[in-house]
Amino acid sequence: MEFGARLKEIRTSLNYSQKELAEQTGLTLRTIQRIENNEVKPSLHSLKVIGEALKTDLSEFEKTTDTKPYEFNFTIKITDMNQLINDLKTLVKNNWKIILWVILITFLISNYEQIKAGFIDGWNNK
């Protein structure tokens, strides 16, 4: 049994429509249709959210092919990178004072000898 057919079987056994599954996963209806029709291989993210929505262990998906195991491709999507950048912006926005202190302390510790020598030279009017 192909992956898409197995996914459809699990979805219909839980009485979910493709639209309901799309809404619960955040994927588009067309993506769900393409996965079920074996037009595309789902990403790891898609597999994860589909598994969570269907309350199904991802090991279920490994049993879908009779000939060889399902292949996964690791790709970073632009939307995932945008989410990472937005998360980093939020982190910096909410914790900028702590980040600034950590950078300042790290700078002072790593340059302690030069700073100390500079103070001694300045104290001795060199």
Protein backbone atom coordinates (compact mmCIF):
# COMPACT_ATOMS: atom_id res chain seq x y z
CA MET A 1 0.00 0.00 0.00
CA GLU A 2 1.35 3.41 -0.96
CA PHE A 3 1.83 6.19 1.55
CA GLY A 4 -1.05 8.36 0.30
CA ALA A 5 -3.50 5.46 0.37
CA ARG A 6 -2.44 4.59 3.92
CA LEU A 7 -2.83 8.20 5.02
CA LYS A 8 -6.30 8.37 3.46
CA GLU A 9 -7.24 5.11 5.17
CA ILE A 10 -6.20 6.43 8.59
CA ARG A 11 -7.90 9.80 7.99
CA THR A 12 -11.20 8.27 6.89
CA SER A 13 -11.18 5.73 9.72
CA LEU A 14 -11.14 8.69 12.12
CA ASN A 15 -13.95 10.40 10.15
CA TYR A 16 -11.85 13.41 9.16
CA SER A 17 -12.38 15.16 5.86
CA GLN A 18 -9.37 16.48 3.98
CA LYS A 19 -10.51 20.00 4.83
CA GLU A 20 -10.69 19.22 8.56
CA LEU A 21 -7.23 17.66 8.46
CA ALA A 22 -5.87 20.69 6.63
CA GLU A 23 -7.35 23.03 9.24
CA GLN A 24 -5.95 21.03 12.15
CA THR A 25 -2.47 20.75 10.66
CA GLY A 26 -2.12 24.22 9.19
CA LEU A 27 -1.34 22.66 5.81
CA THR A 28 -3.33 23.61 2.75
CA LEU A 29 -6.13 21.44 1.47
CA ARG A 30 -4.23 21.07 -1.80
CA THR A 31 -1.17 19.78 0.08
CA ILE A 32 -3.26 17.11 1.80
CA GLN A 33 -4.77 16.15 -1.58
CA ARG A 34 -1.35 15.94 -3.23
CA ILE A 35 0.05 13.81 -0.41
CA GLU A 36 -2.90 11.41 -0.55
CA ASN A 37 -2.62 11.17 -4.35
CA ASN A 38 1.13 10.44 -4.01
CA GLU A 39 1.95 13.50 -6.10
CA VAL A 40 4.46 14.69 -3.48
CA LYS A 41 6.36 13.22 -0.58
CA PRO A 42 5.48 15.03 2.65
CA SER A 43 8.19 16.90 4.51
CA LEU A 44 9.15 15.96 8.05
CA HIS A 45 7.15 18.93 9.30
CA SER A 46 4.08 17.76 7.37
CA LEU A 47 4.45 14.24 8.72
CA LYS A 48 4.78 15.57 12.25
CA VAL A 49 1.67 17.77 12.15
CA ILE A 50 -0.38 15.13 10.34
CA GLY A 51 0.66 12.53 12.91
CA GLU A 52 -0.31 14.87 15.75
CA ALA A 53 -3.66 15.74 14.17
CA LEU A 54 -4.52 12.10 13.54
CA LYS A 55 -3.12 11.09 16.95
CA THR A 56 -1.09 8.47 15.14
CA ASP A 57 2.46 7.42 15.85
CA LEU A 58 4.78 8.18 12.94
CA SER A 59 5.90 4.55 12.97
CA GLU A 60 2.50 3.88 11.36
CA PHE A 61 3.74 5.72 8.29
CA GLU A 62 6.81 3.53 8.01
CA LYS A 63 4.59 0.50 7.44
CA THR A 64 3.07 2.00 4.33
CA THR A 65 5.37 0.53 1.68
CA ASP A 66 5.83 -3.13 0.96
CA THR A 67 8.94 -2.80 -1.19
CA LYS A 68 11.24 -0.34 0.54
CA PRO A 69 11.14 2.05 3.50
CA TYR A 70 9.76 5.52 3.01
CA GLU A 71 12.46 8.03 2.14
CA PHE A 72 12.73 11.35 3.96
CA ASN A 73 14.38 14.43 2.55
CA PHE A 74 15.56 17.10 4.94
CA THR A 75 14.82 20.52 3.50
CA ILE A 76 14.62 23.90 5.11
CA LYS A 77 11.71 25.87 3.77
CA ILE A 78 11.69 29.63 3.50
CA THR A 79 8.64 29.72 5.79
CA ASP A 80 10.58 27.76 8.43
CA MET A 81 13.50 30.18 8.14
CA ASN A 82 11.12 33.14 8.39
CA GLN A 83 9.66 31.63 11.56
CA LEU A 84 13.18 31.17 12.98
CA ILE A 85 14.06 34.78 12.20
CA ASN A 86 10.81 36.00 13.79
CA ASP A 87 11.49 33.89 16.87
CA LEU A 88 15.01 35.32 17.14
CA LYS A 89 13.66 38.87 16.76
CA THR A 90 11.17 38.22 19.55
CA LEU A 91 13.89 36.72 21.75
CA VAL A 92 16.16 39.73 21.25
CA LYS A 93 13.29 42.20 21.68
CA ASN A 94 12.21 40.65 24.98
CA ASN A 95 15.69 39.95 26.38
CA TRP A 96 17.95 42.62 24.88
CA LYS A 97 19.25 43.83 28.25
CA ILE A 98 20.35 40.36 29.31
CA ILE A 99 21.94 39.73 25.91
CA LEU A 100 23.79 43.05 26.11
CA TRP A 101 25.12 42.22 29.59
CA VAL A 102 26.28 38.78 28.47
CA ILE A 103 28.11 40.30 25.49
CA LEU A 104 29.67 43.01 27.65
CA ILE A 105 30.84 40.57 30.34
CA THR A 106 32.20 38.18 27.72
CA PHE A 107 34.10 41.04 26.08
CA LEU A 108 35.54 42.19 29.41
CA ILE A 109 36.60 38.69 30.45
CA SER A 110 38.17 37.87 27.08
CA ASN A 111 40.09 41.19 27.00
CA TYR A 112 40.96 41.39 30.70
CA GLU A 113 44.74 41.42 30.20
CA GLN A 114 44.63 44.22 27.60
CA ILE A 115 42.23 46.29 29.71
CA LYS A 116 44.39 45.81 32.81
CA ALA A 117 47.54 46.79 30.88
CA GLY A 118 45.76 49.87 29.54
CA PHE A 119 44.74 51.00 33.03
CA ILE A 120 48.25 50.47 34.38
CA ASP A 121 49.79 52.39 31.47
CA GLY A 122 47.29 55.19 31.95
CA TRP A 123 47.89 55.27 35.69
CA ASN A 124 51.65 55.50 35.12
CA ASN A 125 51.14 58.25 32.45
CA LYS A 126 52.73 56.31 29.63
